[in-house]
């Protein structure tokens, strides 16, 4: 999406996030609390609300689109670095 001020990029979703389809979804994950406490978001969002952050210019992606789990497990799936690079050059987020 053009116009992103921040893009959070992971290697792959964890198993719980892969199961739910929501970024940083495991109960107890401090990501959502942290981005609110440091002032990136105006309130604490829940994992299922991640599409709402596009309105704030915040997006999410993973380099490994097919795998989930621990990095060493997920990276057994293909990683398309060229596609990632092309997306970054096309959309040009302010911060990755």
N, C-alpha and C. Protein backbone atom coordinates (compact mmCIF):
# COMPACT_ATOMS: atom_id res chain seq x y z
N UNK A 1 0.85 -1.18 0.00
CA UNK A 1 0.00 0.00 0.00
C UNK A 1 0.89 1.24 0.00
N UNK A 2 0.68 2.14 -0.92
CA UNK A 2 1.47 3.39 -0.94
C UNK A 2 1.15 4.26 0.28
N UNK A 3 2.12 5.07 0.68
CA UNK A 3 1.90 6.03 1.75
C UNK A 3 2.09 5.51 3.15
N UNK A 4 2.71 4.35 3.31
CA UNK A 4 2.94 3.85 4.66
C UNK A 4 4.05 4.64 5.32
N UNK A 5 3.81 5.03 6.57
CA UNK A 5 4.87 5.69 7.32
C UNK A 5 5.72 4.66 8.05
N UNK A 6 5.17 3.48 8.30
CA UNK A 6 5.92 2.41 8.95
C UNK A 6 5.43 1.07 8.44
N UNK A 7 6.37 0.18 8.20
CA UNK A 7 6.05 -1.18 7.80
C UNK A 7 6.79 -2.11 8.75
N UNK A 8 6.05 -2.91 9.50
CA UNK A 8 6.65 -3.90 10.37
C UNK A 8 6.82 -5.17 9.56
N UNK A 9 8.05 -5.65 9.47
CA UNK A 9 8.36 -6.81 8.64
C UNK A 9 8.98 -7.89 9.51
N UNK A 10 8.38 -9.06 9.46
CA UNK A 10 8.92 -10.21 10.15
C UNK A 10 9.45 -11.22 9.16
N UNK A 11 10.11 -12.22 9.68
CA UNK A 11 10.57 -13.30 8.81
C UNK A 11 9.36 -14.14 8.42
N UNK A 12 8.55 -14.50 9.40
CA UNK A 12 7.39 -15.34 9.19
C UNK A 12 6.48 -15.23 10.41
N UNK A 13 5.22 -15.61 10.26
CA UNK A 13 4.37 -15.62 11.45
C UNK A 13 4.72 -16.80 12.35
N UNK A 14 4.54 -16.61 13.64
CA UNK A 14 4.65 -17.74 14.56
C UNK A 14 3.49 -18.69 14.34
N UNK A 15 3.54 -19.85 14.97
CA UNK A 15 2.47 -20.83 14.77
C UNK A 15 1.11 -20.28 15.16
N UNK A 16 1.04 -19.60 16.31
CA UNK A 16 -0.25 -19.07 16.77
C UNK A 16 -0.76 -17.99 15.81
N UNK A 17 0.12 -17.11 15.38
CA UNK A 17 -0.28 -16.07 14.43
C UNK A 17 -0.67 -16.69 13.09
N UNK A 18 0.05 -17.70 12.66
CA UNK A 18 -0.30 -18.39 11.43
C UNK A 18 -1.67 -19.04 11.53
N UNK A 19 -1.98 -19.59 12.69
CA UNK A 19 -3.27 -20.23 12.92
C UNK A 19 -4.40 -19.21 12.91
N UNK A 20 -4.20 -18.07 13.58
CA UNK A 20 -5.27 -17.07 13.68
C UNK A 20 -5.34 -16.17 12.46
N UNK A 21 -4.19 -15.99 11.79
CA UNK A 21 -4.14 -15.05 10.67
C UNK A 21 -3.89 -13.62 11.10
N UNK A 22 -3.56 -13.41 12.37
CA UNK A 22 -3.32 -12.07 12.91
C UNK A 22 -1.86 -11.94 13.32
N UNK A 23 -1.27 -10.81 13.03
CA UNK A 23 0.12 -10.56 13.40
C UNK A 23 0.26 -10.44 14.92
N UNK A 24 1.32 -11.00 15.45
CA UNK A 24 1.66 -10.90 16.88
C UNK A 24 0.46 -11.27 17.76
N UNK A 25 -0.16 -12.40 17.45
CA UNK A 25 -1.44 -12.77 18.07
C UNK A 25 -1.34 -13.57 19.36
N UNK A 26 -0.21 -14.15 19.63
CA UNK A 26 -0.13 -15.01 20.82
C UNK A 26 -0.44 -14.20 22.08
N UNK A 27 -1.34 -14.72 22.92
CA UNK A 27 -1.60 -14.03 24.19
C UNK A 27 -0.29 -13.82 24.95
N UNK A 28 -0.13 -12.65 25.47
CA UNK A 28 1.10 -12.33 26.18
C UNK A 28 2.14 -11.64 25.31
N UNK A 29 1.96 -11.65 24.00
CA UNK A 29 2.89 -10.93 23.14
C UNK A 29 2.77 -9.44 23.44
N UNK A 30 3.87 -8.79 23.63
CA UNK A 30 3.87 -7.38 24.05
C UNK A 30 3.89 -6.39 22.90
N UNK A 31 3.85 -6.85 21.67
CA UNK A 31 3.95 -5.96 20.53
C UNK A 31 2.89 -4.86 20.55
N UNK A 32 1.63 -5.24 20.68
CA UNK A 32 0.53 -4.26 20.59
C UNK A 32 0.58 -3.25 21.74
N UNK A 33 0.90 -3.71 22.92
CA UNK A 33 1.03 -2.81 24.06
C UNK A 33 2.21 -1.87 23.84
N UNK A 34 3.31 -2.40 23.35
CA UNK A 34 4.52 -1.59 23.17
C UNK A 34 4.33 -0.49 22.14
N UNK A 35 3.73 -0.82 20.97
CA UNK A 35 3.60 0.24 19.96
C UNK A 35 2.64 1.33 20.42
N UNK A 36 1.74 0.99 21.33
CA UNK A 36 0.89 2.05 21.91
C UNK A 36 1.67 2.86 22.95
N UNK A 37 2.37 2.18 23.84
CA UNK A 37 3.08 2.87 24.92
C UNK A 37 4.18 3.79 24.40
N UNK A 38 4.79 3.48 23.27
CA UNK A 38 5.84 4.35 22.74
C UNK A 38 5.27 5.43 21.82
N UNK A 39 3.95 5.44 21.64
CA UNK A 39 3.31 6.52 20.90
C UNK A 39 3.12 6.29 19.42
N UNK A 40 3.33 5.07 18.95
CA UNK A 40 3.13 4.80 17.53
C UNK A 40 1.64 4.75 17.20
N UNK A 41 0.84 4.22 18.11
CA UNK A 41 -0.61 4.17 17.92
C UNK A 41 -1.30 4.97 19.02
N UNK A 42 -2.48 5.54 18.72
CA UNK A 42 -3.17 6.36 19.70
C UNK A 42 -3.84 5.56 20.81
N UNK A 43 -4.00 4.27 20.60
CA UNK A 43 -4.58 3.39 21.62
C UNK A 43 -4.00 2.00 21.43
N UNK A 44 -4.28 1.13 22.39
CA UNK A 44 -3.80 -0.24 22.27
C UNK A 44 -4.76 -1.03 21.37
N UNK A 45 -4.25 -1.51 20.28
CA UNK A 45 -5.03 -2.33 19.37
C UNK A 45 -4.89 -3.79 19.75
N UNK A 46 -5.85 -4.58 19.32
CA UNK A 46 -5.80 -6.03 19.49
C UNK A 46 -5.35 -6.64 18.15
N UNK A 47 -4.78 -7.85 18.20
CA UNK A 47 -4.28 -8.44 16.96
C UNK A 47 -5.29 -8.48 15.81
N UNK A 48 -6.55 -8.78 16.11
CA UNK A 48 -7.54 -8.86 15.03
C UNK A 48 -7.84 -7.50 14.39
N UNK A 49 -7.38 -6.43 15.00
CA UNK A 49 -7.60 -5.09 14.47
C UNK A 49 -6.48 -4.60 13.56
N UNK A 50 -5.51 -5.46 13.25
CA UNK A 50 -4.35 -4.99 12.49
C UNK A 50 -4.72 -4.28 11.19
N UNK A 51 -5.79 -4.65 10.47
CA UNK A 51 -6.11 -3.90 9.25
C UNK A 51 -6.44 -2.42 9.51
N UNK A 52 -6.91 -2.11 10.71
CA UNK A 52 -7.22 -0.72 11.07
C UNK A 52 -5.98 0.16 11.07
N UNK A 53 -4.82 -0.43 11.27
CA UNK A 53 -3.59 0.36 11.34
C UNK A 53 -3.20 0.94 9.98
N UNK A 54 -3.75 0.39 8.91
CA UNK A 54 -3.49 0.98 7.59
C UNK A 54 -3.97 2.43 7.54
N UNK A 55 -5.05 2.74 8.28
CA UNK A 55 -5.55 4.11 8.34
C UNK A 55 -4.55 5.04 9.00
N UNK A 56 -3.67 4.47 9.82
CA UNK A 56 -2.62 5.24 10.50
C UNK A 56 -1.32 5.24 9.70
N UNK A 57 -1.32 4.58 8.55
CA UNK A 57 -0.10 4.49 7.75
C UNK A 57 0.86 3.44 8.23
N UNK A 58 0.33 2.40 8.89
CA UNK A 58 1.15 1.32 9.43
C UNK A 58 0.74 0.02 8.77
N UNK A 59 1.72 -0.71 8.23
CA UNK A 59 1.45 -1.98 7.59
C UNK A 59 2.30 -3.10 8.16
N UNK A 60 1.99 -4.30 7.71
CA UNK A 60 2.67 -5.50 8.18
C UNK A 60 2.95 -6.42 7.00
N UNK A 61 4.08 -7.10 7.05
CA UNK A 61 4.39 -8.12 6.06
C UNK A 61 5.37 -9.11 6.66
N UNK A 62 5.53 -10.21 5.98
CA UNK A 62 6.53 -11.22 6.33
C UNK A 62 7.31 -11.55 5.07
N UNK A 63 8.57 -11.88 5.23
CA UNK A 63 9.40 -12.25 4.10
C UNK A 63 9.04 -13.66 3.62
N UNK A 64 8.77 -14.55 4.54
CA UNK A 64 8.40 -15.92 4.22
C UNK A 64 6.87 -16.01 4.26
N UNK A 65 6.26 -16.13 3.11
CA UNK A 65 4.79 -16.10 3.01
C UNK A 65 4.15 -17.47 3.20
N UNK A 66 4.90 -18.54 3.12
CA UNK A 66 4.30 -19.87 3.17
C UNK A 66 4.53 -20.61 4.48
N UNK A 67 5.53 -20.24 5.24
CA UNK A 67 5.85 -20.97 6.45
C UNK A 67 5.37 -20.26 7.70
N UNK A 68 5.24 -21.00 8.75
CA UNK A 68 4.91 -20.45 10.07
C UNK A 68 5.66 -21.27 11.11
N UNK A 69 5.90 -20.65 12.24
CA UNK A 69 6.60 -21.35 13.32
C UNK A 69 7.91 -20.65 13.65
N UNK A 70 8.77 -21.37 14.28
CA UNK A 70 10.09 -20.85 14.60
C UNK A 70 10.80 -20.55 13.29
N UNK A 71 11.67 -19.55 13.31
CA UNK A 71 12.33 -19.12 12.07
C UNK A 71 12.99 -20.28 11.33
N UNK A 72 13.71 -21.12 12.06
CA UNK A 72 14.42 -22.21 11.39
C UNK A 72 13.45 -23.21 10.75
N UNK A 73 12.21 -23.30 11.25
CA UNK A 73 11.22 -24.17 10.62
C UNK A 73 10.60 -23.50 9.40
N UNK A 74 10.18 -22.27 9.57
CA UNK A 74 9.48 -21.56 8.50
C UNK A 74 10.39 -21.30 7.31
N UNK A 75 11.65 -21.06 7.57
CA UNK A 75 12.55 -20.75 6.46
C UNK A 75 12.87 -21.95 5.59
N UNK A 76 12.31 -23.10 5.91
CA UNK A 76 12.38 -24.24 5.00
C UNK A 76 11.45 -24.01 3.82
N UNK A 77 10.50 -23.07 3.99
CA UNK A 77 9.61 -22.67 2.90
C UNK A 77 10.33 -21.61 2.07
N UNK A 78 9.91 -21.43 0.82
CA UNK A 78 10.58 -20.45 -0.05
C UNK A 78 10.49 -19.01 0.48
N UNK A 79 11.55 -18.27 0.30
CA UNK A 79 11.60 -16.85 0.63
C UNK A 79 11.89 -16.12 -0.67
N UNK A 80 10.99 -15.23 -1.06
CA UNK A 80 11.14 -14.52 -2.32
C UNK A 80 11.68 -13.11 -2.06
N UNK A 81 12.98 -13.01 -1.93
CA UNK A 81 13.63 -11.74 -1.63
C UNK A 81 13.40 -10.73 -2.76
N UNK A 82 13.43 -11.19 -4.00
CA UNK A 82 13.22 -10.28 -5.13
C UNK A 82 11.83 -9.66 -5.08
N UNK A 83 10.81 -10.44 -4.74
CA UNK A 83 9.45 -9.90 -4.64
C UNK A 83 9.36 -8.89 -3.50
N UNK A 84 10.01 -9.20 -2.37
CA UNK A 84 10.01 -8.27 -1.23
C UNK A 84 10.69 -6.96 -1.63
N UNK A 85 11.83 -7.06 -2.25
CA UNK A 85 12.56 -5.86 -2.70
C UNK A 85 11.71 -5.04 -3.65
N UNK A 86 11.08 -5.69 -4.60
CA UNK A 86 10.24 -4.98 -5.57
C UNK A 86 9.08 -4.25 -4.88
N UNK A 87 8.47 -4.91 -3.90
CA UNK A 87 7.37 -4.25 -3.16
C UNK A 87 7.87 -3.04 -2.40
N UNK A 88 9.04 -3.15 -1.79
CA UNK A 88 9.57 -2.01 -1.03
C UNK A 88 9.89 -0.85 -1.97
N UNK A 89 10.44 -1.16 -3.13
CA UNK A 89 10.75 -0.10 -4.10
C UNK A 89 9.47 0.52 -4.69
N UNK A 90 8.44 -0.28 -4.86
CA UNK A 90 7.19 0.22 -5.43
C UNK A 90 6.43 1.06 -4.40
N UNK A 91 6.31 0.58 -3.17
CA UNK A 91 5.48 1.26 -2.17
C UNK A 91 6.25 2.25 -1.32
N UNK A 92 7.55 2.07 -1.20
CA UNK A 92 8.43 2.99 -0.49
C UNK A 92 7.92 3.45 0.88
N UNK A 93 7.75 2.52 1.81
CA UNK A 93 7.37 2.94 3.16
C UNK A 93 8.47 3.84 3.76
N UNK A 94 8.06 4.77 4.60
CA UNK A 94 9.04 5.67 5.22
C UNK A 94 10.04 4.91 6.09
N UNK A 95 9.55 3.91 6.82
CA UNK A 95 10.38 3.14 7.75
C UNK A 95 10.00 1.67 7.64
N UNK A 96 11.00 0.82 7.58
CA UNK A 96 10.76 -0.63 7.59
C UNK A 96 11.36 -1.17 8.86
